[in-house]
Amino acid sequence: MANLKYKNINLHYSVHGNGSAIVLLHGFLENISMWNDVFPVLANKNKVICIDLLGHGKTGNLGYIHGMEDQSKMVKFILDHLNVKEFILIGHSMGGYVSLALAELFPVNIKGICLMNSTAQPDDAEKRKTRDRTIKAVKKYPETFIRLAIPNLFSEENKTVFIPEIKLITIEALKTTQQGIIATLEGMKVRKDRTSVLQTKDFPILMIISKKDPALEYQPLIDQTDNTPVLTKEFPDGHMSHVENKEELIQTLVKFVK
């Protein structure tokens, strides 16, 4: 585990193994602990860098809004500090949004992207309204919001299958500060449409799509990969494929980074 100063805040990350660089970016309300079962396998033959994004884990808050561009510039700052010139990105949910922003800002550094339960499309009007309602709720009841949000990322049947895992994920999510939650919701709400990145032939892109994902509709994910070189891998369960489909996910990631 390591820390680094950036714009007067603390950045937190970890580095494991040696070889080609793989950068793991967690989702909203998560932190680098989400990769605990994933990074040891990938670190057998690669240098794996796990990063706490702005307002999450042990990384501080920059301001009232953490845009995906802000997040990506912070990630690049860490990678420059580590003298990492080329890297593969694996981003879960919001981590995928940050990966796409990185691809737009720094395409020459990227060797591949895995969008894990993520999308290149922006929030539509209805989703933006939902974010605004969520922000109001978080201002009053941040802990209640987190305790309700985490189970709702799992498929309906898996809410009872993975009770111990949901408890652990909730404990980690509760470490996210109220400001971090709000700044991230504001940033996700205004993120750009980056479906154009999916057309690139400069590096491979893999989308991991879950058929019962409560956070992302299945068909729009499939539709945005039409007539693109994007590879897809489908899982049968919910948004948390690193828990719900852990073994298949790890096999898929090992194959992709090869």
Protein backbone atom coordinates (compact mmCIF):
# COMPACT_ATOMS: atom_id res chain seq x y z
CA MET A 1 0.00 0.00 0.00
CA ALA A 2 1.29 3.46 -0.85
CA ASN A 3 0.25 7.09 -0.54
CA LEU A 4 0.99 10.11 -2.71
CA LYS A 5 0.13 13.81 -2.43
CA TYR A 6 -1.90 15.38 -5.27
CA LYS A 7 -3.47 18.86 -5.20
CA ASN A 8 -3.22 18.84 -1.38
CA ILE A 9 -5.07 15.54 -0.98
CA ASN A 10 -3.90 12.02 -0.21
CA LEU A 11 -4.00 9.38 -2.97
CA HIS A 12 -4.01 5.72 -1.99
CA TYR A 13 -2.98 2.78 -4.18
CA SER A 14 -1.24 -0.60 -4.13
CA VAL A 15 1.21 -2.32 -6.48
CA HIS A 16 1.63 -6.09 -6.79
CA GLY A 17 3.85 -8.29 -9.00
CA ASN A 18 6.03 -7.53 -12.01
CA GLY A 19 5.56 -7.42 -15.78
CA SER A 20 3.08 -5.63 -18.02
CA ALA A 21 0.98 -3.08 -16.13
CA ILE A 22 -2.68 -3.72 -15.36
CA VAL A 23 -4.66 -0.96 -13.63
CA LEU A 24 -7.73 -1.98 -11.61
CA LEU A 25 -10.36 0.73 -11.06
CA HIS A 26 -13.24 0.08 -8.66
CA GLY A 27 -16.82 1.30 -8.92
CA PHE A 28 -19.00 3.73 -6.95
CA LEU A 29 -19.03 3.05 -3.17
CA GLU A 30 -16.18 0.56 -3.62
CA ASN A 31 -12.43 0.78 -3.00
CA ILE A 32 -9.35 -1.30 -3.80
CA SER A 33 -10.54 -4.06 -1.43
CA MET A 34 -13.01 -5.17 -4.14
CA TRP A 35 -10.05 -6.64 -6.06
CA ASN A 36 -8.74 -8.83 -3.20
CA ASP A 37 -9.66 -12.08 -4.97
CA VAL A 38 -8.68 -10.80 -8.43
CA PHE A 39 -5.29 -9.09 -8.15
CA PRO A 40 -3.29 -12.08 -6.76
CA VAL A 41 -4.07 -14.15 -9.88
CA LEU A 42 -3.28 -11.31 -12.30
CA ALA A 43 -0.11 -10.41 -10.35
CA ASN A 44 1.41 -13.85 -11.08
CA LYS A 45 2.64 -12.55 -14.44
CA ASN A 46 1.88 -8.80 -14.38
CA LYS A 47 2.36 -5.62 -12.39
CA VAL A 48 -1.10 -4.91 -10.95
CA ILE A 49 -1.90 -1.41 -9.71
CA CYS A 50 -5.08 -0.94 -7.65
CA ILE A 51 -6.20 2.66 -7.08
CA ASP A 52 -8.69 4.23 -4.66
CA LEU A 53 -10.55 6.76 -6.82
CA LEU A 54 -11.33 10.30 -5.62
CA GLY A 55 -13.58 10.34 -2.56
CA HIS A 56 -13.30 6.57 -2.07
CA GLY A 57 -11.28 4.32 0.23
CA LYS A 58 -8.30 6.25 1.59
CA THR A 59 -8.13 8.79 -1.27
CA GLY A 60 -9.33 12.29 -0.40
CA ASN A 61 -11.92 14.58 -1.96
CA LEU A 62 -11.00 17.25 -4.51
CA GLY A 63 -14.18 19.31 -4.40
CA TYR A 64 -17.94 19.30 -4.87
CA ILE A 65 -17.77 17.34 -8.12
CA HIS A 66 -15.49 14.48 -9.15
CA GLY A 67 -15.83 14.38 -12.92
CA MET A 68 -14.60 11.34 -14.82
CA GLU A 69 -11.89 13.57 -16.33
CA ASP A 70 -10.77 14.57 -12.79
CA GLN A 71 -10.63 10.90 -11.84
CA SER A 72 -8.67 9.95 -14.96
CA LYS A 73 -6.10 12.73 -14.52
CA MET A 74 -5.55 11.59 -10.94
CA VAL A 75 -5.04 7.98 -12.13
CA LYS A 76 -2.56 9.18 -14.77
CA PHE A 77 -0.69 11.16 -12.07
CA ILE A 78 -0.15 7.95 -10.08
CA LEU A 79 0.92 6.01 -13.18
CA ASP A 80 3.38 8.76 -14.15
CA HIS A 81 4.76 8.68 -10.60
CA LEU A 82 5.27 4.90 -11.01
CA ASN A 83 6.84 5.50 -14.46
CA VAL A 84 4.20 3.30 -16.11
CA LYS A 85 4.01 4.22 -19.81
CA GLU A 86 1.60 1.57 -21.14
CA PHE A 87 -1.18 -0.21 -19.30
CA ILE A 88 -4.33 -2.31 -19.55
CA LEU A 89 -7.36 -0.88 -17.73
CA ILE A 90 -9.96 -3.02 -15.97
CA GLY A 91 -12.79 -0.85 -14.64
CA HIS A 92 -15.85 -1.96 -12.70
CA SER A 93 -18.96 0.19 -13.24
CA MET A 94 -17.77 3.78 -12.54
CA GLY A 95 -14.22 2.48 -12.97
CA GLY A 96 -15.24 1.78 -16.57
CA TYR A 97 -16.37 5.40 -17.01
CA VAL A 98 -12.96 6.53 -15.75
CA SER A 99 -11.23 4.07 -18.09
CA LEU A 100 -13.09 5.52 -21.08
CA ALA A 101 -12.14 9.07 -20.02
CA LEU A 102 -8.50 7.93 -19.81
CA ALA A 103 -8.80 6.43 -23.30
CA GLU A 104 -10.06 9.73 -24.64
CA LEU A 105 -7.40 11.85 -22.90
CA PHE A 106 -4.37 9.51 -23.14
CA PRO A 107 -5.01 6.98 -25.95
CA VAL A 108 -1.32 6.34 -26.72
CA ASN A 109 -0.75 4.88 -23.22
CA ILE A 110 -3.51 2.27 -23.37
CA LYS A 111 -2.98 -1.36 -24.40
CA GLY A 112 -6.52 -2.55 -23.69
CA ILE A 113 -9.68 -1.86 -21.70
CA CYS A 114 -12.10 -4.19 -19.92
CA LEU A 115 -15.41 -2.52 -19.13
CA MET A 116 -16.82 -4.67 -16.36
CA ASN A 117 -20.54 -4.08 -15.77
CA SER A 118 -20.12 -0.61 -17.25
CA THR A 119 -21.31 1.48 -20.19
CA ALA A 120 -19.97 4.06 -22.63
CA GLN A 121 -23.33 5.84 -22.72
CA PRO A 122 -24.11 8.88 -20.52
CA ASP A 123 -26.98 9.15 -18.06
CA ASP A 124 -30.29 9.85 -19.76
CA ALA A 125 -32.68 12.51 -18.40
CA GLU A 126 -34.47 10.05 -16.12
CA LYS A 127 -31.21 8.73 -14.66
CA ARG A 128 -29.99 12.28 -14.00
CA LYS A 129 -33.22 13.00 -12.07
CA THR A 130 -32.63 9.82 -10.06
CA ARG A 131 -29.08 10.97 -9.26
CA ASP A 132 -30.46 14.32 -8.00
CA ARG A 133 -32.96 12.53 -5.75
CA THR A 134 -30.16 10.28 -4.50
CA ILE A 135 -27.96 13.29 -3.68
CA LYS A 136 -30.80 14.77 -1.58
CA ALA A 137 -31.17 11.46 0.26
CA VAL A 138 -27.40 11.17 0.86
CA LYS A 139 -27.32 14.69 2.35
CA LYS A 140 -29.82 13.52 5.00
CA TYR A 141 -29.17 9.81 5.46
CA PRO A 142 -25.80 8.69 3.99
CA GLU A 143 -25.57 5.45 5.99
CA THR A 144 -29.13 4.39 5.15
CA PHE A 145 -28.46 5.05 1.46
CA ILE A 146 -25.37 2.80 1.49
CA ARG A 147 -27.09 -0.01 3.40
CA LEU A 148 -29.93 -0.03 0.85
CA ALA A 149 -27.76 0.48 -2.24
CA ILE A 150 -25.32 -2.43 -1.90
CA PRO A 151 -27.79 -5.38 -1.88
CA ASN A 152 -29.61 -3.80 -4.83
CA LEU A 153 -26.53 -4.30 -7.02
CA PHE A 154 -26.98 -8.08 -6.86
CA SER A 155 -29.48 -10.14 -8.85
CA GLU A 156 -32.67 -10.84 -6.88
CA GLU A 157 -31.78 -14.45 -6.00
CA ASN A 158 -28.19 -13.57 -5.10
CA LYS A 159 -29.31 -11.13 -2.39
CA THR A 160 -29.82 -14.21 -0.21
CA VAL A 161 -26.99 -16.33 -1.66
CA PHE A 162 -24.26 -13.78 -0.86
CA ILE A 163 -25.37 -12.40 2.53
CA PRO A 164 -21.86 -12.55 4.13
CA GLU A 165 -20.27 -10.91 1.06
CA ILE A 166 -22.93 -8.17 1.02
CA LYS A 167 -22.18 -7.44 4.69
CA LEU A 168 -18.45 -7.10 3.98
CA ILE A 169 -19.01 -4.89 0.90
CA THR A 170 -21.36 -2.69 2.97
CA ILE A 171 -18.71 -2.30 5.70
CA GLU A 172 -16.22 -1.11 3.05
CA ALA A 173 -18.81 1.17 1.41
CA LEU A 174 -19.54 2.83 4.77
CA LYS A 175 -15.94 4.11 4.76
CA THR A 176 -16.89 6.39 1.83
CA THR A 177 -17.39 9.95 3.09
CA GLN A 178 -20.64 11.81 2.50
CA GLN A 179 -18.76 14.39 0.40
CA GLY A 180 -17.15 11.58 -1.63
CA ILE A 181 -20.55 10.04 -2.40
CA ILE A 182 -22.12 13.35 -3.45
CA ALA A 183 -19.12 14.50 -5.54
CA THR A 184 -19.10 11.16 -7.35
CA LEU A 185 -22.84 11.18 -8.05
CA GLU A 186 -22.47 14.71 -9.46
CA GLY A 187 -19.56 13.54 -11.64
CA MET A 188 -21.36 10.47 -12.98
CA LYS A 189 -24.48 12.54 -13.70
CA VAL A 190 -22.65 14.86 -16.12
CA ARG A 191 -20.30 12.35 -17.74
CA LYS A 192 -19.92 12.49 -21.53
CA ASP A 193 -21.12 10.03 -24.13
CA ARG A 194 -18.00 7.99 -24.94
CA THR A 195 -19.49 5.41 -27.31
CA SER A 196 -17.06 6.76 -29.95
CA VAL A 197 -14.20 5.19 -27.95
CA LEU A 198 -15.76 1.76 -28.64
CA GLN A 199 -15.00 2.25 -32.35
CA THR A 200 -11.23 2.34 -31.77
CA LYS A 201 -8.97 -0.24 -33.38
CA ASP A 202 -5.91 1.04 -31.51
CA PHE A 203 -6.41 -1.38 -28.60
CA PRO A 204 -8.83 -4.21 -27.74
CA ILE A 205 -11.91 -3.51 -25.62
CA LEU A 206 -13.82 -6.21 -23.73
CA MET A 207 -17.28 -5.57 -22.25
CA ILE A 208 -18.45 -7.86 -19.47
CA ILE A 209 -22.24 -7.81 -19.49
CA SER A 210 -24.48 -9.39 -16.84
CA LYS A 211 -27.95 -10.49 -17.91
CA LYS A 212 -29.62 -9.63 -14.57
CA ASP A 213 -27.69 -6.44 -13.83
CA PRO A 214 -30.05 -4.20 -11.80
CA ALA A 215 -27.90 -1.11 -12.52
CA LEU A 216 -27.55 -1.46 -16.31
CA GLU A 217 -30.13 -2.65 -18.81
CA TYR A 218 -28.95 -5.61 -20.86
CA GLN A 219 -30.15 -4.62 -24.36
CA PRO A 220 -28.62 -1.10 -24.52
CA LEU A 221 -25.25 -2.63 -23.57
CA ILE A 222 -25.51 -5.13 -26.42
CA ASP A 223 -26.72 -2.41 -28.82
CA GLN A 224 -23.77 -0.09 -28.16
CA THR A 225 -21.32 -2.82 -29.20
CA ASP A 226 -23.05 -3.37 -32.58
CA ASN A 227 -20.77 -2.58 -35.54
CA THR A 228 -17.78 -2.07 -33.24
CA PRO A 229 -14.67 -4.25 -32.71
CA VAL A 230 -15.63 -4.63 -29.02
CA LEU A 231 -15.46 -8.15 -27.57
CA THR A 232 -18.24 -9.18 -25.21
CA LYS A 233 -18.55 -11.77 -22.46
CA GLU A 234 -21.92 -12.42 -20.83
CA PHE A 235 -22.56 -13.60 -17.28
CA PRO A 236 -25.95 -14.77 -15.95
CA ASP A 237 -26.14 -12.69 -12.76
CA GLY A 238 -26.04 -9.11 -11.41
CA HIS A 239 -23.83 -6.01 -11.29
CA MET A 240 -21.25 -7.49 -8.92
CA SER A 241 -19.64 -10.03 -11.25
CA HIS A 242 -16.44 -10.12 -9.11
CA VAL A 243 -18.62 -11.75 -6.42
CA GLU A 244 -21.54 -13.35 -8.29
CA ASN A 245 -19.43 -14.87 -11.09
CA LYS A 246 -15.99 -14.71 -9.51
CA GLU A 247 -14.28 -17.75 -11.02
CA GLU A 248 -15.55 -17.11 -14.55
CA LEU A 249 -14.60 -13.44 -14.25
CA ILE A 250 -11.04 -14.22 -13.17
CA GLN A 251 -10.63 -16.72 -16.05
CA THR A 252 -12.00 -14.11 -18.48
CA LEU A 253 -9.62 -11.41 -17.23
CA VAL A 254 -6.57 -13.70 -17.35
CA LYS A 255 -7.42 -14.61 -20.95
CA PHE A 256 -7.98 -10.95 -21.91
CA VAL A 257 -4.73 -9.61 -20.46
CA LYS A 258 -2.73 -12.30 -22.29
